[in-house]
Amino acid sequence: MTPEQQATLEASLAAAGSKATYTGASTSVVAWFLSSEFGVLFGILLGVAGLAVNWFYRHRQDKREQAEHEKRMGKEVDD
């Protein structure tokens, strides 16, 4: 897998994690209105899982961008 493909895949997974977080939060609110304890628990778990996925891939993106920045700064200083 090329670095560009990997970056695209990671961005897609981060977006999916973000959507899962919002879906989990929405599910929790609706289940709370319907007095469904299972629905609230499911929504919370889905939201936390989405948050974890989003954090993981954003962290990897930040590390990749930091390495790219340091590489560019090193080239500019050498030129």
PDB file of N, CA and C in Angstrom:
ATOM      1  N   MET A   1       0.850  -1.166   0.000  1.00  0.00           N
ATOM      2  CA  MET A   1       0.000   0.000   0.000  1.00  0.00           C
ATOM      3  C   MET A   1       0.900   1.236   0.000  1.00  0.00           C
ATOM      4  N   THR A   2       0.630   2.145  -0.894  1.00  0.00           N
ATOM      5  CA  THR A   2       1.429   3.360  -0.978  1.00  0.00           C
ATOM      6  C   THR A   2       1.078   4.299   0.173  1.00  0.00           C
ATOM      7  N   PRO A   3       1.963   5.232   0.500  1.00  0.00           N
ATOM      8  CA  PRO A   3       1.669   6.185   1.591  1.00  0.00           C
ATOM      9  C   PRO A   3       0.413   7.013   1.318  1.00  0.00           C
ATOM     10  N   GLU A   4       0.171   7.332   0.046  1.00  0.00           N
ATOM     11  CA  GLU A   4      -1.024   8.111  -0.286  1.00  0.00           C
ATOM     12  C   GLU A   4      -2.288   7.304  -0.025  1.00  0.00           C
ATOM     13  N   GLN A   5      -2.253   6.018  -0.400  1.00  0.00           N
ATOM     14  CA  GLN A   5      -3.404   5.158  -0.152  1.00  0.00           C
ATOM     15  C   GLN A   5      -3.631   4.968   1.337  1.00  0.00           C
ATOM     16  N   GLN A   6      -2.556   4.827   2.090  1.00  0.00           N
ATOM     17  CA  GLN A   6      -2.663   4.652   3.534  1.00  0.00           C
ATOM     18  C   GLN A   6      -3.248   5.912   4.169  1.00  0.00           C
ATOM     19  N   ALA A   7      -2.797   7.069   3.724  1.00  0.00           N
ATOM     20  CA  ALA A   7      -3.322   8.325   4.267  1.00  0.00           C
ATOM     21  C   ALA A   7      -4.806   8.464   3.959  1.00  0.00           C
ATOM     22  N   THR A   8      -5.203   8.080   2.752  1.00  0.00           N
ATOM     23  CA  THR A   8      -6.615   8.147   2.372  1.00  0.00           C
ATOM     24  C   THR A   8      -7.447   7.199   3.218  1.00  0.00           C
ATOM     25  N   LEU A   9      -6.948   5.987   3.412  1.00  0.00           N
ATOM     26  CA  LEU A   9      -7.652   5.011   4.236  1.00  0.00           C
ATOM     27  C   LEU A   9      -7.799   5.504   5.668  1.00  0.00           C
ATOM     28  N   GLU A  10      -6.731   6.044   6.232  1.00  0.00           N
ATOM     29  CA  GLU A  10      -6.788   6.538   7.598  1.00  0.00           C
ATOM     30  C   GLU A  10      -7.735   7.718   7.738  1.00  0.00           C
ATOM     31  N   ALA A  11      -7.770   8.594   6.734  1.00  0.00           N
ATOM     32  CA  ALA A  11      -8.700   9.723   6.782  1.00  0.00           C
ATOM     33  C   ALA A  11     -10.141   9.226   6.722  1.00  0.00           C
ATOM     34  N   SER A  12     -10.386   8.213   5.911  1.00  0.00           N
ATOM     35  CA  SER A  12     -11.731   7.643   5.819  1.00  0.00           C
ATOM     36  C   SER A  12     -12.144   7.000   7.136  1.00  0.00           C
ATOM     37  N   LEU A  13     -11.234   6.274   7.765  1.00  0.00           N
ATOM     38  CA  LEU A  13     -11.547   5.638   9.042  1.00  0.00           C
ATOM     39  C   LEU A  13     -11.754   6.667  10.148  1.00  0.00           C
ATOM     40  N   ALA A  14     -11.000   7.747  10.112  1.00  0.00           N
ATOM     41  CA  ALA A  14     -11.196   8.816  11.102  1.00  0.00           C
ATOM     42  C   ALA A  14     -12.566   9.460  10.917  1.00  0.00           C
ATOM     43  N   ALA A  15     -12.968   9.654   9.666  1.00  0.00           N
ATOM     44  CA  ALA A  15     -14.294  10.217   9.395  1.00  0.00           C
ATOM     45  C   ALA A  15     -15.392   9.265   9.863  1.00  0.00           C
ATOM     46  N   ALA A  16     -15.190   7.970   9.652  1.00  0.00           N
ATOM     47  CA  ALA A  16     -16.165   6.982  10.114  1.00  0.00           C
ATOM     48  C   ALA A  16     -16.245   6.984  11.634  1.00  0.00           C
ATOM     49  N   GLY A  17     -15.103   7.127  12.290  1.00  0.00           N
ATOM     50  CA  GLY A  17     -15.102   7.205  13.752  1.00  0.00           C
ATOM     51  C   GLY A  17     -15.858   8.416  14.251  1.00  0.00           C
ATOM     52  N   SER A  18     -15.706   9.533  13.560  1.00  0.00           N
ATOM     53  CA  SER A  18     -16.422  10.745  13.935  1.00  0.00           C
ATOM     54  C   SER A  18     -17.929  10.551  13.782  1.00  0.00           C
ATOM     55  N   LYS A  19     -18.328   9.931  12.689  1.00  0.00           N
ATOM     56  CA  LYS A  19     -19.754   9.671  12.470  1.00  0.00           C
ATOM     57  C   LYS A  19     -20.299   8.704  13.514  1.00  0.00           C
ATOM     58  N   ALA A  20     -19.502   7.718  13.902  1.00  0.00           N
ATOM     59  CA  ALA A  20     -19.936   6.774  14.933  1.00  0.00           C
ATOM     60  C   ALA A  20     -20.121   7.487  16.269  1.00  0.00           C
ATOM     61  N   THR A  21     -19.272   8.454  16.559  1.00  0.00           N
ATOM     62  CA  THR A  21     -19.408   9.224  17.793  1.00  0.00           C
ATOM     63  C   THR A  21     -20.730   9.979  17.807  1.00  0.00           C
ATOM     64  N   TYR A  22     -21.050  10.657  16.704  1.00  0.00           N
ATOM     65  CA  TYR A  22     -22.309  11.400  16.628  1.00  0.00           C
ATOM     66  C   TYR A  22     -23.515  10.464  16.660  1.00  0.00           C
ATOM     67  N   THR A  23     -23.405   9.326  16.005  1.00  0.00           N
ATOM     68  CA  THR A  23     -24.496   8.358  16.012  1.00  0.00           C
ATOM     69  C   THR A  23     -24.724   7.826  17.426  1.00  0.00           C
ATOM     70  N   GLY A  24     -23.642   7.527  18.125  1.00  0.00           N
ATOM     71  CA  GLY A  24     -23.758   7.048  19.499  1.00  0.00           C
ATOM     72  C   GLY A  24     -24.401   8.069  20.407  1.00  0.00           C
ATOM     73  N   ALA A  25     -24.003   9.316  20.254  1.00  0.00           N
ATOM     74  CA  ALA A  25     -24.594  10.369  21.078  1.00  0.00           C
ATOM     75  C   ALA A  25     -26.085  10.529  20.775  1.00  0.00           C
ATOM     76  N   SER A  26     -26.429  10.501  19.508  1.00  0.00           N
ATOM     77  CA  SER A  26     -27.840  10.614  19.107  1.00  0.00           C
ATOM     78  C   SER A  26     -28.655   9.445  19.629  1.00  0.00           C
ATOM     79  N   THR A  27     -28.104   8.245  19.525  1.00  0.00           N
ATOM     80  CA  THR A  27     -28.792   7.053  20.009  1.00  0.00           C
ATOM     81  C   THR A  27     -29.032   7.142  21.512  1.00  0.00           C
ATOM     82  N   SER A  28     -28.054   7.640  22.239  1.00  0.00           N
ATOM     83  CA  SER A  28     -28.198   7.776  23.693  1.00  0.00           C
ATOM     84  C   SER A  28     -29.327   8.745  24.047  1.00  0.00           C
ATOM     85  N   VAL A  29     -29.384   9.858  23.354  1.00  0.00           N
ATOM     86  CA  VAL A  29     -30.417  10.861  23.643  1.00  0.00           C
ATOM     87  C   VAL A  29     -31.802  10.310  23.329  1.00  0.00           C
ATOM     88  N   VAL A  30     -31.953   9.685  22.162  1.00  0.00           N
ATOM     89  CA  VAL A  30     -33.257   9.128  21.781  1.00  0.00           C
ATOM     90  C   VAL A  30     -33.665   8.026  22.747  1.00  0.00           C
ATOM     91  N   ALA A  31     -32.738   7.144  23.098  1.00  0.00           N
ATOM     92  CA  ALA A  31     -33.046   6.052  24.028  1.00  0.00           C
ATOM     93  C   ALA A  31     -33.409   6.593  25.407  1.00  0.00           C
ATOM     94  N   TRP A  32     -32.758   7.678  25.806  1.00  0.00           N
ATOM     95  CA  TRP A  32     -33.092   8.284  27.096  1.00  0.00           C
ATOM     96  C   TRP A  32     -34.530   8.798  27.093  1.00  0.00           C
ATOM     97  N   PHE A  33     -34.933   9.443  25.987  1.00  0.00           N
ATOM     98  CA  PHE A  33     -36.310   9.909  25.872  1.00  0.00           C
ATOM     99  C   PHE A  33     -37.286   8.746  25.880  1.00  0.00           C
ATOM    100  N   LEU A  34     -36.903   7.611  25.322  1.00  0.00           N
ATOM    101  CA  LEU A  34     -37.770   6.437  25.264  1.00  0.00           C
ATOM    102  C   LEU A  34     -37.636   5.554  26.505  1.00  0.00           C
ATOM    103  N   SER A  35     -36.821   5.954  27.451  1.00  0.00           N
ATOM    104  CA  SER A  35     -36.585   5.209  28.691  1.00  0.00           C
ATOM    105  C   SER A  35     -36.079   3.799  28.424  1.00  0.00           C
ATOM    106  N   SER A  36     -35.170   3.678  27.482  1.00  0.00           N
ATOM    107  CA  SER A  36     -34.582   2.389  27.147  1.00  0.00           C
ATOM    108  C   SER A  36     -33.157   2.342  27.681  1.00  0.00           C
ATOM    109  N   GLU A  37     -32.965   1.581  28.755  1.00  0.00           N
ATOM    110  CA  GLU A  37     -31.635   1.510  29.351  1.00  0.00           C
ATOM    111  C   GLU A  37     -30.634   0.858  28.399  1.00  0.00           C
ATOM    112  N   PHE A  38     -31.070  -0.190  27.691  1.00  0.00           N
ATOM    113  CA  PHE A  38     -30.183  -0.849  26.743  1.00  0.00           C
ATOM    114  C   PHE A  38     -29.779   0.117  25.628  1.00  0.00           C
ATOM    115  N   GLY A  39     -30.710   0.893  25.141  1.00  0.00           N
ATOM    116  CA  GLY A  39     -30.406   1.856  24.082  1.00  0.00           C
ATOM    117  C   GLY A  39     -29.415   2.912  24.528  1.00  0.00           C
ATOM    118  N   VAL A  40     -29.571   3.392  25.752  1.00  0.00           N
ATOM    119  CA  VAL A  40     -28.641   4.386  26.288  1.00  0.00           C
ATOM    120  C   VAL A  40     -27.244   3.778  26.401  1.00  0.00           C
ATOM    121  N   LEU A  41     -27.169   2.568  26.953  1.00  0.00           N
ATOM    122  CA  LEU A  41     -25.877   1.901  27.090  1.00  0.00           C
ATOM    123  C   LEU A  41     -25.237   1.660  25.728  1.00  0.00           C
ATOM    124  N   PHE A  42     -26.018   1.183  24.756  1.00  0.00           N
ATOM    125  CA  PHE A  42     -25.509   0.951  23.409  1.00  0.00           C
ATOM    126  C   PHE A  42     -25.011   2.249  22.786  1.00  0.00           C
ATOM    127  N   GLY A  43     -25.755   3.318  22.940  1.00  0.00           N
ATOM    128  CA  GLY A  43     -25.350   4.610  22.396  1.00  0.00           C
ATOM    129  C   GLY A  43     -24.067   5.121  23.010  1.00  0.00           C
ATOM    130  N   ILE A  44     -23.938   4.965  24.314  1.00  0.00           N
ATOM    131  CA  ILE A  44     -22.713   5.405  24.989  1.00  0.00           C
ATOM    132  C   ILE A  44     -21.521   4.591  24.506  1.00  0.00           C
ATOM    133  N   LEU A  45     -21.701   3.266  24.433  1.00  0.00           N
ATOM    134  CA  LEU A  45     -20.600   2.415  23.965  1.00  0.00           C
ATOM    135  C   LEU A  45     -20.220   2.729  22.518  1.00  0.00           C
ATOM    136  N   LEU A  46     -21.204   2.957  21.676  1.00  0.00           N
ATOM    137  CA  LEU A  46     -20.931   3.309  20.283  1.00  0.00           C
ATOM    138  C   LEU A  46     -20.206   4.647  20.200  1.00  0.00           C
ATOM    139  N   GLY A  47     -20.616   5.603  21.000  1.00  0.00           N
ATOM    140  CA  GLY A  47     -19.955   6.904  21.009  1.00  0.00           C
ATOM    141  C   GLY A  47     -18.514   6.825  21.481  1.00  0.00           C
ATOM    142  N   VAL A  48     -18.267   6.043  22.516  1.00  0.00           N
ATOM    143  CA  VAL A  48     -16.907   5.894  23.037  1.00  0.00           C
ATOM    144  C   VAL A  48     -16.030   5.167  22.016  1.00  0.00           C
ATOM    145  N   ALA A  49     -16.581   4.133  21.367  1.00  0.00           N
ATOM    146  CA  ALA A  49     -15.814   3.415  20.340  1.00  0.00           C
ATOM    147  C   ALA A  49     -15.473   4.347  19.176  1.00  0.00           C
ATOM    148  N   GLY A  50     -16.426   5.152  18.748  1.00  0.00           N
ATOM    149  CA  GLY A  50     -16.170   6.104  17.673  1.00  0.00           C
ATOM    150  C   GLY A  50     -15.128   7.127  18.063  1.00  0.00           C
ATOM    151  N   LEU A  51     -15.185   7.576  19.298  1.00  0.00           N
ATOM    152  CA  LEU A  51     -14.198   8.538  19.784  1.00  0.00           C
ATOM    153  C   LEU A  51     -12.803   7.923  19.807  1.00  0.00           C
ATOM    154  N   ALA A  52     -12.705   6.673  20.230  1.00  0.00           N
ATOM    155  CA  ALA A  52     -11.409   5.999  20.278  1.00  0.00           C
ATOM    156  C   ALA A  52     -10.821   5.820  18.878  1.00  0.00           C
ATOM    157  N   VAL A  53     -11.645   5.423  17.923  1.00  0.00           N
ATOM    158  CA  VAL A  53     -11.173   5.249  16.540  1.00  0.00           C
ATOM    159  C   VAL A  53     -10.725   6.592  15.980  1.00  0.00           C
ATOM    160  N   ASN A  54     -11.520   7.603  16.199  1.00  0.00           N
ATOM    161  CA  ASN A  54     -11.190   8.932  15.701  1.00  0.00           C
ATOM    162  C   ASN A  54      -9.880   9.427  16.314  1.00  0.00           C
ATOM    163  N   TRP A  55      -9.714   9.269  17.627  1.00  0.00           N
ATOM    164  CA  TRP A  55      -8.494   9.706  18.279  1.00  0.00           C
ATOM    165  C   TRP A  55      -7.292   8.960  17.729  1.00  0.00           C
ATOM    166  N   PHE A  56      -7.386   7.646  17.565  1.00  0.00           N
ATOM    167  CA  PHE A  56      -6.271   6.831  17.092  1.00  0.00           C
ATOM    168  C   PHE A  56      -5.778   7.306  15.726  1.00  0.00           C
ATOM    169  N   TYR A  57      -6.697   7.479  14.787  1.00  0.00           N
ATOM    170  CA  TYR A  57      -6.284   7.863  13.443  1.00  0.00           C
ATOM    171  C   TYR A  57      -5.875   9.325  13.350  1.00  0.00           C
ATOM    172  N   ARG A  58      -6.462  10.207  14.130  1.00  0.00           N
ATOM    173  CA  ARG A  58      -6.011  11.604  14.150  1.00  0.00           C
ATOM    174  C   ARG A  58      -4.606  11.700  14.749  1.00  0.00           C
ATOM    175  N   HIS A  59      -4.342  10.875  15.756  1.00  0.00           N
ATOM    176  CA  HIS A  59      -3.007  10.863  16.364  1.00  0.00           C
ATOM    177  C   HIS A  59      -1.967  10.418  15.336  1.00  0.00           C
ATOM    178  N   ARG A  60      -2.278   9.390  14.568  1.00  0.00           N
ATOM    179  CA  ARG A  60      -1.357   8.923  13.535  1.00  0.00           C
ATOM    180  C   ARG A  60      -1.159   9.996  12.468  1.00  0.00           C
ATOM    181  N   GLN A  61      -2.232  10.701  12.108  1.00  0.00           N
ATOM    182  CA  GLN A  61      -2.133  11.773  11.116  1.00  0.00           C
ATOM    183  C   GLN A  61      -1.251  12.900  11.642  1.00  0.00           C
ATOM    184  N   ASP A  62      -1.409  13.258  12.899  1.00  0.00           N
ATOM    185  CA  ASP A  62      -0.577  14.309  13.489  1.00  0.00           C
ATOM    186  C   ASP A  62       0.893  13.929  13.479  1.00  0.00           C
ATOM    187  N   LYS A  63       1.210  12.678  13.816  1.00  0.00           N
ATOM    188  CA  LYS A  63       2.597  12.221  13.802  1.00  0.00           C
ATOM    189  C   LYS A  63       3.177  12.272  12.389  1.00  0.00           C
ATOM    190  N   ARG A  64       2.378  11.856  11.408  1.00  0.00           N
ATOM    191  CA  ARG A  64       2.830  11.873  10.018  1.00  0.00           C
ATOM    192  C   ARG A  64       3.075  13.302   9.544  1.00  0.00           C
ATOM    193  N   GLU A  65       2.169  14.211   9.876  1.00  0.00           N
ATOM    194  CA  GLU A  65       2.331  15.610   9.477  1.00  0.00           C
ATOM    195  C   GLU A  65       3.512  16.262  10.186  1.00  0.00           C
ATOM    196  N   GLN A  66       3.754  15.881  11.439  1.00  0.00           N
ATOM    197  CA  GLN A  66       4.894  16.425  12.166  1.00  0.00           C
ATOM    198  C   GLN A  66       6.205  15.976  11.522  1.00  0.00           C
ATOM    199  N   ALA A  67       6.280  14.698  11.138  1.00  0.00           N
ATOM    200  CA  ALA A  67       7.486  14.184  10.478  1.00  0.00           C
ATOM    201  C   ALA A  67       7.710  14.889   9.141  1.00  0.00           C
ATOM    202  N   GLU A  68       6.622  15.111   8.403  1.00  0.00           N
ATOM    203  CA  GLU A  68       6.734  15.820   7.124  1.00  0.00           C
ATOM    204  C   GLU A  68       7.211  17.253   7.342  1.00  0.00           C
ATOM    205  N   HIS A  69       6.681  17.901   8.368  1.00  0.00           N
ATOM    206  CA  HIS A  69       7.087  19.273   8.672  1.00  0.00           C
ATOM    207  C   HIS A  69       8.579  19.347   9.024  1.00  0.00           C
ATOM    208  N   GLU A  70       9.016  18.417   9.871  1.00  0.00           N
ATOM    209  CA  GLU A  70      10.434  18.411  10.256  1.00  0.00           C
ATOM    210  C   GLU A  70      11.334  18.145   9.053  1.00  0.00           C
ATOM    211  N   LYS A  71      10.876  17.293   8.160  1.00  0.00           N
ATOM    212  CA  LYS A  71      11.658  17.004   6.954  1.00  0.00           C
ATOM    213  C   LYS A  71      11.761  18.252   6.072  1.00  0.00           C
ATOM    214  N   ARG A  72      10.633  18.952   5.911  1.00  0.00           N
ATOM    215  CA  ARG A  72      10.649  20.178   5.103  1.00  0.00           C
ATOM    216  C   ARG A  72      11.523  21.256   5.739  1.00  0.00           C
ATOM    217  N   MET A  73      11.442  21.396   7.036  1.00  0.00           N
ATOM    218  CA  MET A  73      12.251  22.416   7.717  1.00  0.00           C
ATOM    219  C   MET A  73      13.739  22.087   7.586  1.00  0.00           C
ATOM    220  N   GLY A  74      14.091  20.821   7.628  1.00  0.00           N
ATOM    221  CA  GLY A  74      15.484  20.425   7.456  1.00  0.00           C
ATOM    222  C   GLY A  74      15.991  20.720   6.078  1.00  0.00           C
ATOM    223  N   LYS A  75      15.155  20.549   5.057  1.00  0.00           N
ATOM    224  CA  LYS A  75      15.544  20.847   3.684  1.00  0.00           C
ATOM    225  C   LYS A  75      15.736  22.335   3.478  1.00  0.00           C
ATOM    226  N   GLU A  76      14.849  23.145   4.056  1.00  0.00           N
ATOM    227  CA  GLU A  76      14.943  24.587   3.888  1.00  0.00           C
ATOM    228  C   GLU A  76      16.206  25.128   4.542  1.00  0.00           C
ATOM    229  N   VAL A  77      16.574  24.598   5.687  1.00  0.00           N
ATOM    230  CA  VAL A  77      17.778  25.052   6.385  1.00  0.00           C
ATOM    231  C   VAL A  77      19.021  24.669   5.584  1.00  0.00           C
ATOM    232  N   ASP A  78      19.023  23.476   4.976  1.00  0.00           N
ATOM    233  CA  ASP A  78      20.173  23.017   4.212  1.00  0.00           C
ATOM    234  C   ASP A  78      20.328  23.771   2.887  1.00  0.00           C
ATOM    235  N   ASP A  79      19.227  24.256   2.312  1.00  0.00           N
ATOM    236  CA  ASP A  79      19.277  24.914   0.996  1.00  0.00           C
ATOM    237  C   ASP A  79      19.871  26.279   1.067  1.00  0.00           C
TER     238      ASP A  79
END
